[in-house]
Amino acid sequence: MRLRRIRGQAEALERAVESGTDCGLLLQQIAALRGATNGLMAEVLDGHLRETFGSSKRGTTGTAVVDPDAEIETLMKLLRTYLK
C-alpha cells in the first residue's frame, strides 16, 4: 500500500514539474513524497530490527533477559524523529 502511494505521489510530482507548476506547490509535493518514503523506511527498518534482534537476547532458560520489543520501540521512536 505504501509503495502504491509513493508511486502515485512521484507520478503526480512528475506531471506537476512537466506542467510548470509553481515552485511552492512543487516543494509541498516533494515534502509529502519525502514523508511517505521516510515512513516506508521506518516500517522496513522496524521489521528488520524485530527479525534480527527479536529473539537474540535470551538467557540460558530461554526467558528474555531484556524486552527486545521495548528496546526496538525506543530505538524506532528515536529514528522516527530523524526521519521527519
Protein backbone atom coordinates (compact mmCIF):
# COMPACT_ATOMS: atom_id res chain seq x y z
CA MET A 1 0.00 0.00 0.00
CA ARG A 2 2.76 2.46 0.91
CA LEU A 3 4.60 1.78 -2.33
CA ARG A 4 1.50 2.49 -4.40
CA ARG A 5 1.01 5.77 -2.56
CA ILE A 6 4.65 6.71 -3.13
CA ARG A 7 4.41 5.80 -6.81
CA GLY A 8 1.25 7.92 -7.14
CA GLN A 9 2.93 10.86 -5.43
CA ALA A 10 6.02 10.54 -7.64
CA GLU A 11 3.89 10.42 -10.79
CA ALA A 12 1.89 13.45 -9.64
CA LEU A 13 5.13 15.30 -8.95
CA GLU A 14 6.45 14.44 -12.40
CA ARG A 15 3.25 15.74 -14.03
CA ALA A 16 3.42 18.91 -11.92
CA VAL A 17 7.04 19.58 -12.94
CA GLU A 18 6.25 18.97 -16.61
CA SER A 19 3.27 21.31 -16.48
CA GLY A 20 5.28 24.12 -14.90
CA THR A 21 3.55 24.12 -11.52
CA ASP A 22 4.54 26.87 -9.09
CA CYS A 23 7.68 26.10 -7.06
CA GLY A 24 5.85 26.46 -3.74
CA LEU A 25 3.40 23.73 -4.71
CA LEU A 26 6.22 21.54 -6.01
CA LEU A 27 8.06 21.87 -2.71
CA GLN A 28 4.91 20.84 -0.89
CA GLN A 29 4.58 17.74 -3.07
CA ILE A 30 8.26 16.90 -2.59
CA ALA A 31 7.87 17.18 1.19
CA ALA A 32 4.87 14.83 1.08
CA LEU A 33 6.83 12.35 -1.02
CA ARG A 34 9.77 12.53 1.37
CA GLY A 35 7.44 11.91 4.31
CA ALA A 36 5.98 8.87 2.60
CA THR A 37 9.41 7.39 1.82
CA ASN A 38 10.60 8.06 5.36
CA GLY A 39 7.51 6.27 6.68
CA LEU A 40 8.29 3.28 4.47
CA MET A 41 11.91 3.32 5.60
CA ALA A 42 10.83 3.31 9.26
CA GLU A 43 8.45 0.40 8.63
CA VAL A 44 11.09 -1.69 6.85
CA LEU A 45 13.70 -0.88 9.50
CA ASP A 46 11.28 -1.81 12.27
CA GLY A 47 10.64 -5.20 10.67
CA HIS A 48 14.34 -5.77 10.11
CA LEU A 49 15.24 -4.96 13.72
CA ARG A 50 12.49 -7.20 15.06
CA GLU A 51 13.59 -10.09 12.81
CA THR A 52 17.27 -9.61 13.59
CA PHE A 53 17.19 -8.87 17.32
CA GLY A 54 13.78 -10.07 18.47
CA SER A 55 14.95 -13.44 19.73
CA SER A 56 18.67 -12.83 20.26
CA LYS A 57 18.55 -11.59 23.88
CA ARG A 58 17.64 -14.86 25.65
CA GLY A 59 19.00 -16.22 28.89
CA THR A 60 20.04 -19.83 29.50
CA THR A 61 16.47 -20.76 30.49
CA GLY A 62 15.07 -19.28 27.30
CA THR A 63 13.50 -16.32 29.05
CA ALA A 64 14.14 -12.85 27.77
CA VAL A 65 16.95 -11.01 29.57
CA VAL A 66 15.59 -7.68 28.31
CA ASP A 67 12.38 -6.93 26.49
CA PRO A 68 13.57 -6.76 22.87
CA ASP A 69 10.31 -5.24 21.67
CA ALA A 70 10.62 -2.39 24.18
CA GLU A 71 14.24 -1.80 23.18
CA ILE A 72 13.32 -1.77 19.49
CA GLU A 73 10.38 0.57 20.14
CA THR A 74 12.68 3.01 21.96
CA LEU A 75 15.13 2.91 19.06
CA MET A 76 12.36 3.33 16.48
CA LYS A 77 10.97 6.40 18.30
CA LEU A 78 14.42 7.95 18.17
CA LEU A 79 14.86 7.13 14.48
CA ARG A 80 11.43 8.45 13.58
CA THR A 81 12.40 11.86 14.95
CA TYR A 82 15.30 11.94 12.47
CA LEU A 83 13.18 10.69 9.57
CA LYS A 84 10.61 13.51 9.75
